[in-house]
Amino acid sequence: MLLVLTGATGTGKTGLSLDVAEAIAAAGGAAEIVNADAMQLYRGMDVGTAKLPVAERRGIRHHCFDLWDVTQTASVAVYRDAARAAITDIETRGAVAILVGGSGLYLESVTRELDFPATDPELRARLEQEADAFGPDALWRRLAEEDPEAAGRIHSANLRKVIRALEVVTLTGRPFAASLPDAAPLWRPAVRFLVDVPNEPLAERLVLRSRRMWESGDLLDEVRGLLPLGLADGQTASRAIGYAQAVAVLGGTMTAEEGLADTTRLTWRLVRRQRAWFTRDEEAVRIEGLGEDGAARVLARSGAIT
């Protein structure tokens, strides 16, 4: 039995997953949690990603945290293999696997059989040079001409994904959207839940979380420690919300107040993109993230306790 808890950042997925795992244990079963938050895959990126400390995991075993150094480029295929291996191991030991996170493509890579074409370093280098010469918008417009559906899903500011989409289109001669999840078959049966919170309380939660990270100085301290490890050079980690702003503040190109404001603004924009992705899943069961009966609803709908 695979349970999947999805939803935008700040909606209470982590707490709900812990409650569900504890309820399964209380009924005589066992459950373990598999992370599907892309930025939590990086070692040392804890504060800005709201990674749950080990001491707060209630003794529940967690998987797929801290897979990569901050200098490594994210790979959905590498993550997929690690997550599937963890899920298979959990189920082999008779426990329930709970896949939890807000990174849509990472979740779908585990639950569906997606096609991930190989990369071509030379082609990617040419596309990066083109972006340097003509700007990211020029590459996005090219993608819009060659694969309108993919361009509709990828924000023009996300240069890494724009380049990847163009790379796939060029290498395969097929739309990048063909490898995305809408029509892909399932890896194995799963019960999926979409966790959400109304706009006003969610916005308040996100603002409070951002303020705590910035005003405590914890995020800046974390980034100070990661810079000598190569954070600023990482293709993926350096662009994470909060981390990019902290690097700019420490580099003197942005004030702390501007960093906080930019982090809050970009986090809400991320929420909108996540919601747009997840609400396409019409089969997912909707759960109120701040409700008291969330775990009971998950268990009742999934049949995880029999």
C-alpha atoms as a PDB file:
ATOM      1  CA  MET A   1       0.000   0.000   0.000  1.00  0.00           C
ATOM      2  CA  LEU A   2       1.550   3.290  -1.123  1.00  0.00           C
ATOM      3  CA  LEU A   3       0.093   6.497   0.313  1.00  0.00           C
ATOM      4  CA  VAL A   4       0.908   9.791  -1.409  1.00  0.00           C
ATOM      5  CA  LEU A   5       0.449  13.147   0.322  1.00  0.00           C
ATOM      6  CA  THR A   6       0.870  16.058  -2.074  1.00  0.00           C
ATOM      7  CA  GLY A   7       0.166  19.764  -1.950  1.00  0.00           C
ATOM      8  CA  ALA A   8       1.710  23.201  -1.908  1.00  0.00           C
ATOM      9  CA  THR A   9       4.374  24.280   0.538  1.00  0.00           C
ATOM     10  CA  GLY A  10       3.143  25.173   4.021  1.00  0.00           C
ATOM     11  CA  THR A  11      -0.114  23.225   3.829  1.00  0.00           C
ATOM     12  CA  GLY A  12       0.659  20.793   6.647  1.00  0.00           C
ATOM     13  CA  LYS A  13       1.767  17.707   4.721  1.00  0.00           C
ATOM     14  CA  THR A  14       4.635  16.950   7.095  1.00  0.00           C
ATOM     15  CA  GLY A  15       2.530  17.019  10.248  1.00  0.00           C
ATOM     16  CA  LEU A  16      -0.199  15.001   8.572  1.00  0.00           C
ATOM     17  CA  SER A  17       2.271  12.346   7.435  1.00  0.00           C
ATOM     18  CA  LEU A  18       3.527  11.959  11.003  1.00  0.00           C
ATOM     19  CA  ASP A  19      -0.028  11.685  12.322  1.00  0.00           C
ATOM     20  CA  VAL A  20      -0.882   9.039   9.730  1.00  0.00           C
ATOM     21  CA  ALA A  21       2.253   7.022  10.496  1.00  0.00           C
ATOM     22  CA  GLU A  22       1.536   7.148  14.233  1.00  0.00           C
ATOM     23  CA  ALA A  23      -2.084   6.076  13.702  1.00  0.00           C
ATOM     24  CA  ILE A  24      -0.952   3.099  11.635  1.00  0.00           C
ATOM     25  CA  ALA A  25       1.523   2.152  14.369  1.00  0.00           C
ATOM     26  CA  ALA A  26      -1.159   2.524  17.059  1.00  0.00           C
ATOM     27  CA  ALA A  27      -3.304   0.048  15.146  1.00  0.00           C
ATOM     28  CA  GLY A  28      -0.518  -2.522  15.158  1.00  0.00           C
ATOM     29  CA  GLY A  29       1.064  -1.715  11.806  1.00  0.00           C
ATOM     30  CA  ALA A  30       4.150   0.191  10.751  1.00  0.00           C
ATOM     31  CA  ALA A  31       4.738   3.094   8.403  1.00  0.00           C
ATOM     32  CA  GLU A  32       7.748   4.998   7.090  1.00  0.00           C
ATOM     33  CA  ILE A  33       7.990   8.286   5.231  1.00  0.00           C
ATOM     34  CA  VAL A  34       9.704   8.978   1.891  1.00  0.00           C
ATOM     35  CA  ASN A  35      10.565  12.578   1.048  1.00  0.00           C
ATOM     36  CA  ALA A  36       9.506  14.136  -2.268  1.00  0.00           C
ATOM     37  CA  ASP A  37      10.655  17.715  -1.722  1.00  0.00           C
ATOM     38  CA  ALA A  38      13.429  18.467  -4.212  1.00  0.00           C
ATOM     39  CA  MET A  39      15.349  20.988  -2.126  1.00  0.00           C
ATOM     40  CA  GLN A  40      15.307  18.748   0.952  1.00  0.00           C
ATOM     41  CA  LEU A  41      17.433  16.324  -1.036  1.00  0.00           C
ATOM     42  CA  TYR A  42      20.426  18.616  -0.422  1.00  0.00           C
ATOM     43  CA  ARG A  43      22.692  18.109   2.565  1.00  0.00           C
ATOM     44  CA  GLY A  44      22.898  21.137   4.810  1.00  0.00           C
ATOM     45  CA  MET A  45      19.864  22.880   3.337  1.00  0.00           C
ATOM     46  CA  ASP A  46      17.655  22.545   6.388  1.00  0.00           C
ATOM     47  CA  VAL A  47      16.406  25.932   7.581  1.00  0.00           C
ATOM     48  CA  GLY A  48      15.337  27.371   4.238  1.00  0.00           C
ATOM     49  CA  THR A  49      13.609  24.151   3.142  1.00  0.00           C
ATOM     50  CA  ALA A  50      11.806  23.637   6.479  1.00  0.00           C
ATOM     51  CA  LYS A  51      13.360  20.172   6.680  1.00  0.00           C
ATOM     52  CA  LEU A  52      11.996  18.339   9.711  1.00  0.00           C
ATOM     53  CA  PRO A  53      14.780  17.849  12.302  1.00  0.00           C
ATOM     54  CA  VAL A  54      15.483  14.262  13.304  1.00  0.00           C
ATOM     55  CA  ALA A  55      14.454  15.032  16.882  1.00  0.00           C
ATOM     56  CA  GLU A  56      10.972  16.013  15.675  1.00  0.00           C
ATOM     57  CA  ARG A  57      10.300  12.944  13.528  1.00  0.00           C
ATOM     58  CA  ARG A  58       8.565  11.124  16.435  1.00  0.00           C
ATOM     59  CA  GLY A  59      10.771   8.088  16.017  1.00  0.00           C
ATOM     60  CA  ILE A  60       9.380   7.444  12.527  1.00  0.00           C
ATOM     61  CA  ARG A  61      11.913   6.357   9.945  1.00  0.00           C
ATOM     62  CA  HIS A  62      12.385   8.831   7.064  1.00  0.00           C
ATOM     63  CA  HIS A  63      13.999   8.271   3.667  1.00  0.00           C
ATOM     64  CA  CYS A  64      15.422  10.340   0.793  1.00  0.00           C
ATOM     65  CA  PHE A  65      16.786  13.324   2.647  1.00  0.00           C
ATOM     66  CA  ASP A  66      20.310  14.667   2.137  1.00  0.00           C
ATOM     67  CA  LEU A  67      21.129  12.698  -1.020  1.00  0.00           C
ATOM     68  CA  TRP A  68      23.253  15.360  -2.715  1.00  0.00           C
ATOM     69  CA  ASP A  69      25.953  17.922  -2.019  1.00  0.00           C
ATOM     70  CA  VAL A  70      24.977  21.510  -2.795  1.00  0.00           C
ATOM     71  CA  THR A  71      27.259  21.497  -5.847  1.00  0.00           C
ATOM     72  CA  GLN A  72      25.382  18.639  -7.517  1.00  0.00           C
ATOM     73  CA  THR A  73      22.755  19.296 -10.172  1.00  0.00           C
ATOM     74  CA  ALA A  74      19.357  17.841  -9.361  1.00  0.00           C
ATOM     75  CA  SER A  75      18.400  14.700 -11.256  1.00  0.00           C
ATOM     76  CA  VAL A  76      14.803  13.514 -11.233  1.00  0.00           C
ATOM     77  CA  ALA A  77      15.862  10.092 -12.512  1.00  0.00           C
ATOM     78  CA  VAL A  78      18.403   9.609  -9.700  1.00  0.00           C
ATOM     79  CA  TYR A  79      15.803  10.664  -7.137  1.00  0.00           C
ATOM     80  CA  ARG A  80      13.185   8.348  -8.661  1.00  0.00           C
ATOM     81  CA  ASP A  81      15.463   5.333  -8.358  1.00  0.00           C
ATOM     82  CA  ALA A  82      16.334   6.151  -4.737  1.00  0.00           C
ATOM     83  CA  ALA A  83      12.697   6.730  -3.761  1.00  0.00           C
ATOM     84  CA  ARG A  84      11.449   3.575  -5.464  1.00  0.00           C
ATOM     85  CA  ALA A  85      14.175   1.530  -3.801  1.00  0.00           C
ATOM     86  CA  ALA A  86      13.145   2.935  -0.419  1.00  0.00           C
ATOM     87  CA  ILE A  87       9.451   2.239  -1.053  1.00  0.00           C
ATOM     88  CA  THR A  88      10.160  -1.310  -2.199  1.00  0.00           C
ATOM     89  CA  ASP A  89      12.275  -1.950   0.895  1.00  0.00           C
ATOM     90  CA  ILE A  90       9.602  -0.522   3.196  1.00  0.00           C
ATOM     91  CA  GLU A  91       6.879  -2.675   1.652  1.00  0.00           C
ATOM     92  CA  THR A  92       9.098  -5.779   1.670  1.00  0.00           C
ATOM     93  CA  ARG A  93       9.379  -5.354   5.440  1.00  0.00           C
ATOM     94  CA  GLY A  94       5.582  -5.241   5.728  1.00  0.00           C
ATOM     95  CA  ALA A  95       5.270  -1.518   6.425  1.00  0.00           C
ATOM     96  CA  VAL A  96       3.267   1.209   4.701  1.00  0.00           C
ATOM     97  CA  ALA A  97       5.233   3.698   2.599  1.00  0.00           C
ATOM     98  CA  ILE A  98       4.048   7.324   2.766  1.00  0.00           C
ATOM     99  CA  LEU A  99       5.414   9.460  -0.073  1.00  0.00           C
ATOM    100  CA  VAL A 100       5.250  13.123   0.970  1.00  0.00           C
ATOM    101  CA  GLY A 101       6.224  16.324  -0.788  1.00  0.00           C
ATOM    102  CA  GLY A 102       5.406  19.289  -2.939  1.00  0.00           C
ATOM    103  CA  SER A 103       7.703  18.784  -5.931  1.00  0.00           C
ATOM    104  CA  GLY A 104       5.245  17.662  -8.580  1.00  0.00           C
ATOM    105  CA  LEU A 105       7.585  16.147 -11.149  1.00  0.00           C
ATOM    106  CA  TYR A 106       9.542  14.313  -8.460  1.00  0.00           C
ATOM    107  CA  LEU A 107       6.337  12.785  -7.089  1.00  0.00           C
ATOM    108  CA  GLU A 108       5.132  11.830 -10.536  1.00  0.00           C
ATOM    109  CA  SER A 109       8.508  10.325 -11.420  1.00  0.00           C
ATOM    110  CA  VAL A 110       7.996   7.840  -8.596  1.00  0.00           C
ATOM    111  CA  THR A 111       4.309   7.066  -9.062  1.00  0.00           C
ATOM    112  CA  ARG A 112       4.223   6.999 -12.873  1.00  0.00           C
ATOM    113  CA  GLU A 113       6.366   5.483 -15.608  1.00  0.00           C
ATOM    114  CA  LEU A 114       7.808   8.649 -17.112  1.00  0.00           C
ATOM    115  CA  ASP A 115      10.303   8.760 -19.948  1.00  0.00           C
ATOM    116  CA  PHE A 116      13.535  10.590 -19.112  1.00  0.00           C
ATOM    117  CA  PRO A 117      15.627  10.987 -22.290  1.00  0.00           C
ATOM    118  CA  ALA A 118      19.399  11.097 -21.977  1.00  0.00           C
ATOM    119  CA  THR A 119      21.295  14.369 -21.829  1.00  0.00           C
ATOM    120  CA  ASP A 120      23.812  15.781 -24.300  1.00  0.00           C
ATOM    121  CA  PRO A 121      26.448  17.957 -22.581  1.00  0.00           C
ATOM    122  CA  GLU A 122      27.489  19.665 -25.823  1.00  0.00           C
ATOM    123  CA  LEU A 123      23.917  20.524 -26.780  1.00  0.00           C
ATOM    124  CA  ARG A 124      23.201  21.783 -23.275  1.00  0.00           C
ATOM    125  CA  ALA A 125      26.335  23.952 -23.371  1.00  0.00           C
ATOM    126  CA  ARG A 126      25.193  25.500 -26.674  1.00  0.00           C
ATOM    127  CA  LEU A 127      21.772  26.270 -25.222  1.00  0.00           C
ATOM    128  CA  GLU A 128      23.375  27.846 -22.155  1.00  0.00           C
ATOM    129  CA  GLN A 129      25.563  29.997 -24.424  1.00  0.00           C
ATOM    130  CA  GLU A 130      22.477  31.026 -26.367  1.00  0.00           C
ATOM    131  CA  ALA A 131      20.795  32.046 -23.120  1.00  0.00           C
ATOM    132  CA  ASP A 132      23.842  34.111 -22.148  1.00  0.00           C
ATOM    133  CA  ALA A 133      23.902  35.819 -25.535  1.00  0.00           C
ATOM    134  CA  PHE A 134      20.196  36.476 -26.088  1.00  0.00           C
ATOM    135  CA  GLY A 135      18.621  36.119 -22.640  1.00  0.00           C
ATOM    136  CA  PRO A 136      16.389  33.450 -21.015  1.00  0.00           C
ATOM    137  CA  ASP A 137      13.228  34.840 -22.612  1.00  0.00           C
ATOM    138  CA  ALA A 138      14.605  34.112 -26.071  1.00  0.00           C
ATOM    139  CA  LEU A 139      15.014  30.441 -25.200  1.00  0.00           C
ATOM    140  CA  TRP A 140      11.521  30.291 -23.698  1.00  0.00           C
ATOM    141  CA  ARG A 141      10.047  31.817 -26.890  1.00  0.00           C
ATOM    142  CA  ARG A 142      11.864  29.185 -28.909  1.00  0.00           C
ATOM    143  CA  LEU A 143      10.380  26.497 -26.670  1.00  0.00           C
ATOM    144  CA  ALA A 144       6.924  28.050 -27.118  1.00  0.00           C
ATOM    145  CA  GLU A 145       7.320  27.684 -30.879  1.00  0.00           C
ATOM    146  CA  GLU A 146       8.611  24.113 -30.788  1.00  0.00           C
ATOM    147  CA  ASP A 147       6.547  22.751 -27.877  1.00  0.00           C
ATOM    148  CA  PRO A 148       3.716  25.096 -26.784  1.00  0.00           C
ATOM    149  CA  GLU A 149       2.391  22.659 -24.186  1.00  0.00           C
ATOM    150  CA  ALA A 150       5.745  22.406 -22.411  1.00  0.00           C
ATOM    151  CA  ALA A 151       6.161  26.187 -22.529  1.00  0.00           C
ATOM    152  CA  GLY A 152       2.763  26.537 -20.899  1.00  0.00           C
ATOM    153  CA  ARG A 153       3.941  24.414 -17.970  1.00  0.00           C
ATOM    154  CA  ILE A 154       7.406  25.920 -17.516  1.00  0.00           C
ATOM    155  CA  HIS A 155       7.864  29.483 -16.274  1.00  0.00           C
ATOM    156  CA  SER A 156      10.073  31.584 -18.542  1.00  0.00           C
ATOM    157  CA  ALA A 157      12.300  32.446 -15.553  1.00  0.00           C
ATOM    158  CA  ASN A 158      13.108  28.773 -14.917  1.00  0.00           C
ATOM    159  CA  LEU A 159      16.033  28.646 -17.317  1.00  0.00           C
ATOM    160  CA  ARG A 160      17.212  25.206 -16.219  1.00  0.00           C
ATOM    161  CA  LYS A 161      13.880  23.594 -17.099  1.00  0.00           C
ATOM    162  CA  VAL A 162      13.566  25.575 -20.333  1.00  0.00           C
ATOM    163  CA  ILE A 163      16.986  24.324 -21.424  1.00  0.00           C
ATOM    164  CA  ARG A 164      16.123  20.759 -20.435  1.00  0.00           C
ATOM    165  CA  ALA A 165      12.892  20.879 -22.433  1.00  0.00           C
ATOM    166  CA  LEU A 166      14.677  22.191 -25.532  1.00  0.00           C
ATOM    167  CA  GLU A 167      17.350  19.532 -25.073  1.00  0.00           C
ATOM    168  CA  VAL A 168      14.724  16.776 -25.027  1.00  0.00           C
ATOM    169  CA  VAL A 169      12.874  18.186 -28.042  1.00  0.00           C
ATOM    170  CA  THR A 170      16.109  18.400 -30.018  1.00  0.00           C
ATOM    171  CA  LEU A 171      17.388  14.945 -29.039  1.00  0.00           C
ATOM    172  CA  THR A 172      14.150  13.008 -29.465  1.00  0.00           C
ATOM    173  CA  GLY A 173      12.251  14.971 -32.093  1.00  0.00           C
ATOM    174  CA  ARG A 174       9.230  14.656 -29.819  1.00  0.00           C
ATOM    175  CA  PRO A 175       7.561  17.216 -27.561  1.00  0.00           C
ATOM    176  CA  PHE A 176       8.979  17.440 -24.058  1.00  0.00           C
ATOM    177  CA  ALA A 177       5.378  17.243 -22.844  1.00  0.00           C
ATOM    178  CA  ALA A 178       5.291  13.645 -24.090  1.00  0.00           C
ATOM    179  CA  SER A 179       7.504  12.678 -21.131  1.00  0.00           C
ATOM    180  CA  LEU A 180       5.368  14.546 -18.596  1.00  0.00           C
ATOM    181  CA  PRO A 181       2.848  12.782 -16.395  1.00  0.00           C
ATOM    182  CA  ASP A 182      -0.672  13.298 -17.737  1.00  0.00           C
ATOM    183  CA  ALA A 183      -0.969  10.049 -19.691  1.00  0.00           C
ATOM    184  CA  ALA A 184       1.878   8.036 -18.188  1.00  0.00           C
ATOM    185  CA  PRO A 185       0.955   4.636 -16.703  1.00  0.00           C
ATOM    186  CA  LEU A 186       1.197   4.071 -12.970  1.00  0.00           C
ATOM    187  CA  TRP A 187       4.300   2.432 -11.486  1.00  0.00           C
ATOM    188  CA  ARG A 188       2.091   0.723  -8.922  1.00  0.00           C
ATOM    189  CA  PRO A 189      -1.318   1.437  -7.354  1.00  0.00           C
ATOM    190  CA  ALA A 190      -1.325   4.310  -4.886  1.00  0.00           C
ATOM    191  CA  VAL A 191      -3.892   6.279  -2.936  1.00  0.00           C
ATOM    192  CA  ARG A 192      -3.233   9.980  -3.476  1.00  0.00           C
ATOM    193  CA  PHE A 193      -4.277  12.854  -1.224  1.00  0.00           C
ATOM    194  CA  LEU A 194      -4.094  16.555  -2.042  1.00  0.00           C
ATOM    195  CA  VAL A 195      -3.493  18.611   1.111  1.00  0.00           C
ATOM    196  CA  ASP A 196      -4.455  22.279   0.978  1.00  0.00           C
ATOM    197  CA  VAL A 197      -5.259  25.289   3.156  1.00  0.00           C
ATOM    198  CA  PRO A 198      -7.411  28.345   2.322  1.00  0.00           C
ATOM    199  CA  ASN A 199      -5.490  31.324   0.969  1.00  0.00           C
ATOM    200  CA  GLU A 200      -5.607  33.631   3.990  1.00  0.00           C
ATOM    201  CA  PRO A 201      -4.326  31.219   6.668  1.00  0.00           C
ATOM    202  CA  LEU A 202      -1.794  29.756   4.234  1.00  0.00           C
ATOM    203  CA  ALA A 203      -0.423  33.208   3.403  1.00  0.00           C
ATOM    204  CA  GLU A 204      -0.121  33.978   7.111  1.00  0.00           C
ATOM    205  CA  ARG A 205       1.723  30.723   7.739  1.00  0.00           C
ATOM    206  CA  LEU A 206       4.177  31.361   4.928  1.00  0.00           C
ATOM    207  CA  VAL A 207       4.874  34.938   5.980  1.00  0.00           C
ATOM    208  CA  LEU A 208       5.492  33.807   9.552  1.00  0.00           C
ATOM    209  CA  ARG A 209       7.810  31.027   8.419  1.00  0.00           C
ATOM    210  CA  SER A 210       9.833  33.396   6.219  1.00  0.00           C
ATOM    211  CA  ARG A 211      10.126  35.975   8.995  1.00  0.00           C
ATOM    212  CA  ARG A 212      11.356  33.383  11.466  1.00  0.00           C
ATOM    213  CA  MET A 213      14.045  32.188   9.067  1.00  0.00           C
ATOM    214  CA  TRP A 214      15.284  35.672   8.278  1.00  0.00           C
ATOM    215  CA  GLU A 215      14.807  37.573  11.524  1.00  0.00           C
ATOM    216  CA  SER A 216      16.395  34.827  13.627  1.00  0.00           C
ATOM    217  CA  GLY A 217      19.461  34.899  11.418  1.00  0.00           C
ATOM    218  CA  ASP A 218      19.284  31.101  11.102  1.00  0.00           C
ATOM    219  CA  LEU A 219      18.998  31.119   7.305  1.00  0.00           C
ATOM    220  CA  LEU A 220      21.926  33.493   6.858  1.00  0.00           C
ATOM    221  CA  ASP A 221      24.014  31.428   9.263  1.00  0.00           C
ATOM    222  CA  GLU A 222      23.176  28.270   7.340  1.00  0.00           C
ATOM    223  CA  VAL A 223      24.129  29.851   4.024  1.00  0.00           C
ATOM    224  CA  ARG A 224      27.391  31.186   5.479  1.00  0.00           C
ATOM    225  CA  GLY A 225      28.283  27.604   6.276  1.00  0.00           C
ATOM    226  CA  LEU A 226      27.279  26.345   2.835  1.00  0.00           C
ATOM    227  CA  LEU A 227      29.155  28.923   0.766  1.00  0.00           C
ATOM    228  CA  PRO A 228      32.579  27.349   1.451  1.00  0.00           C
ATOM    229  CA  LEU A 229      31.047  24.026   0.324  1.00  0.00           C
ATOM    230  CA  GLY A 230      30.200  25.492  -3.093  1.00  0.00           C
ATOM    231  CA  LEU A 231      26.577  26.580  -2.696  1.00  0.00           C
ATOM    232  CA  ALA A 232      26.954  29.608  -4.977  1.00  0.00           C
ATOM    233  CA  ASP A 233      28.291  27.358  -7.758  1.00  0.00           C
ATOM    234  CA  GLY A 234      25.515  24.767  -7.578  1.00  0.00           C
ATOM    235  CA  GLN A 235      23.264  24.733 -10.636  1.00  0.00           C
ATOM    236  CA  THR A 236      20.175  23.816  -8.622  1.00  0.00           C
ATOM    237  CA  ALA A 237      20.782  24.498  -4.939  1.00  0.00           C
ATOM    238  CA  SER A 238      21.934  28.096  -5.453  1.00  0.00           C
ATOM    239  CA  ARG A 239      18.587  28.968  -7.072  1.00  0.00           C
ATOM    240  CA  ALA A 240      16.410  27.669  -4.237  1.00  0.00           C
ATOM    241  CA  ILE A 241      13.972  30.196  -2.785  1.00  0.00           C
ATOM    242  CA  GLY A 242      15.519  31.832   0.257  1.00  0.00           C
ATOM    243  CA  TYR A 243      19.003  30.580  -0.529  1.00  0.00           C
ATOM    244  CA  ALA A 244      19.456  32.722  -3.627  1.00  0.00           C
ATOM    245  CA  GLN A 245      18.323  35.739  -1.603  1.00  0.00           C
ATOM    246  CA  ALA A 246      20.607  34.879   1.323  1.00  0.00           C
ATOM    247  CA  VAL A 247      23.594  34.570  -1.025  1.00  0.00           C
ATOM    248  CA  ALA A 248      22.742  38.010  -2.423  1.00  0.00           C
ATOM    249  CA  VAL A 249      22.450  39.521   1.065  1.00  0.00           C
ATOM    250  CA  LEU A 250      25.780  38.061   2.151  1.00  0.00           C
ATOM    251  CA  GLY A 251      27.297  39.296  -1.099  1.00  0.00           C
ATOM    252  CA  GLY A 252      26.069  42.822  -0.450  1.00  0.00           C
ATOM    253  CA  THR A 253      23.769  43.082  -3.474  1.00  0.00           C
ATOM    254  CA  MET A 254      20.532  42.888  -1.477  1.00  0.00           C
ATOM    255  CA  THR A 255      19.462  44.008   1.995  1.00  0.00           C
ATOM    256  CA  ALA A 256      18.031  41.580   4.537  1.00  0.00           C
ATOM    257  CA  GLU A 257      14.663  43.339   4.277  1.00  0.00           C
ATOM    258  CA  GLU A 258      14.712  42.885   0.499  1.00  0.00           C
ATOM    259  CA  GLY A 259      15.729  39.264   0.933  1.00  0.00           C
ATOM    260  CA  LEU A 260      12.769  38.602   3.224  1.00  0.00           C
ATOM    261  CA  ALA A 261      10.341  40.358   0.885  1.00  0.00           C
ATOM    262  CA  ASP A 262      11.639  38.495  -2.168  1.00  0.00           C
ATOM    263  CA  THR A 263      11.530  35.154  -0.370  1.00  0.00           C
ATOM    264  CA  THR A 264       7.909  35.738   0.664  1.00  0.00           C
ATOM    265  CA  ARG A 265       6.881  36.845  -2.831  1.00  0.00           C
ATOM    266  CA  LEU A 266       8.549  33.917  -4.580  1.00  0.00           C
ATOM    267  CA  THR A 267       7.179  31.416  -2.070  1.00  0.00           C
ATOM    268  CA  TRP A 268       3.626  32.507  -2.848  1.00  0.00           C
ATOM    269  CA  ARG A 269       4.357  32.279  -6.566  1.00  0.00           C
ATOM    270  CA  LEU A 270       5.617  28.740  -5.950  1.00  0.00           C
ATOM    271  CA  VAL A 271       2.348  27.929  -4.163  1.00  0.00           C
ATOM    272  CA  ARG A 272       0.367  29.032  -7.220  1.00  0.00           C
ATOM    273  CA  ARG A 273       2.469  26.835  -9.517  1.00  0.00           C
ATOM    274  CA  GLN A 274       2.180  23.856  -7.171  1.00  0.00           C
ATOM    275  CA  ARG A 275      -1.574  24.213  -6.958  1.00  0.00           C
ATOM    276  CA  ALA A 276      -1.849  24.419 -10.736  1.00  0.00           C
ATOM    277  CA  TRP A 277       0.127  21.182 -11.015  1.00  0.00           C
ATOM    278  CA  PHE A 278      -1.637  19.185  -8.317  1.00  0.00           C
ATOM    279  CA  THR A 279      -5.216  20.217  -9.042  1.00  0.00           C
ATOM    280  CA  ARG A 280      -4.931  18.459 -12.404  1.00  0.00           C
ATOM    281  CA  ASP A 281      -5.117  15.178 -10.482  1.00  0.00           C
ATOM    282  CA  GLU A 282      -8.872  14.637 -10.352  1.00  0.00           C
ATOM    283  CA  GLU A 283      -8.530  11.300  -8.545  1.00  0.00           C
ATOM    284  CA  ALA A 284      -6.674  12.708  -5.538  1.00  0.00           C
ATOM    285  CA  VAL A 285      -8.697  12.947  -2.327  1.00  0.00           C
ATOM    286  CA  ARG A 286      -8.843  16.532  -1.009  1.00  0.00           C
ATOM    287  CA  ILE A 287      -7.741  17.009   2.616  1.00  0.00           C
ATOM    288  CA  GLU A 288      -7.830  20.174   4.757  1.00  0.00           C
ATOM    289  CA  GLY A 289      -4.258  20.559   5.954  1.00  0.00           C
ATOM    290  CA  LEU A 290      -5.166  22.266   9.217  1.00  0.00           C
ATOM    291  CA  GLY A 291      -8.111  20.029  10.052  1.00  0.00           C
ATOM    292  CA  GLU A 292      -8.048  17.791  13.110  1.00  0.00           C
ATOM    293  CA  ASP A 293      -9.441  14.751  11.315  1.00  0.00           C
ATOM    294  CA  GLY A 294      -6.890  14.606   8.480  1.00  0.00           C
ATOM    295  CA  ALA A 295      -5.180  11.391   9.564  1.00  0.00           C
ATOM    296  CA  ALA A 296      -8.516   9.662  10.172  1.00  0.00           C
ATOM    297  CA  ARG A 297      -9.701  10.640   6.690  1.00  0.00           C
ATOM    298  CA  VAL A 298      -6.493   9.375   5.087  1.00  0.00           C
ATOM    299  CA  LEU A 299      -6.778   6.041   6.866  1.00  0.00           C
ATOM    300  CA  ALA A 300     -10.474   5.672   6.115  1.00  0.00           C
ATOM    301  CA  ARG A 301     -10.068   6.411   2.402  1.00  0.00           C
ATOM    302  CA  SER A 302      -6.895   4.387   1.927  1.00  0.00           C
ATOM    303  CA  GLY A 303      -7.696   1.274   3.925  1.00  0.00           C
ATOM    304  CA  ALA A 304      -4.175   1.367   5.354  1.00  0.00           C
ATOM    305  CA  ILE A 305      -5.557  -0.067   8.607  1.00  0.00           C
ATOM    306  CA  THR A 306      -7.577  -3.205   8.114  1.00  0.00           C
END
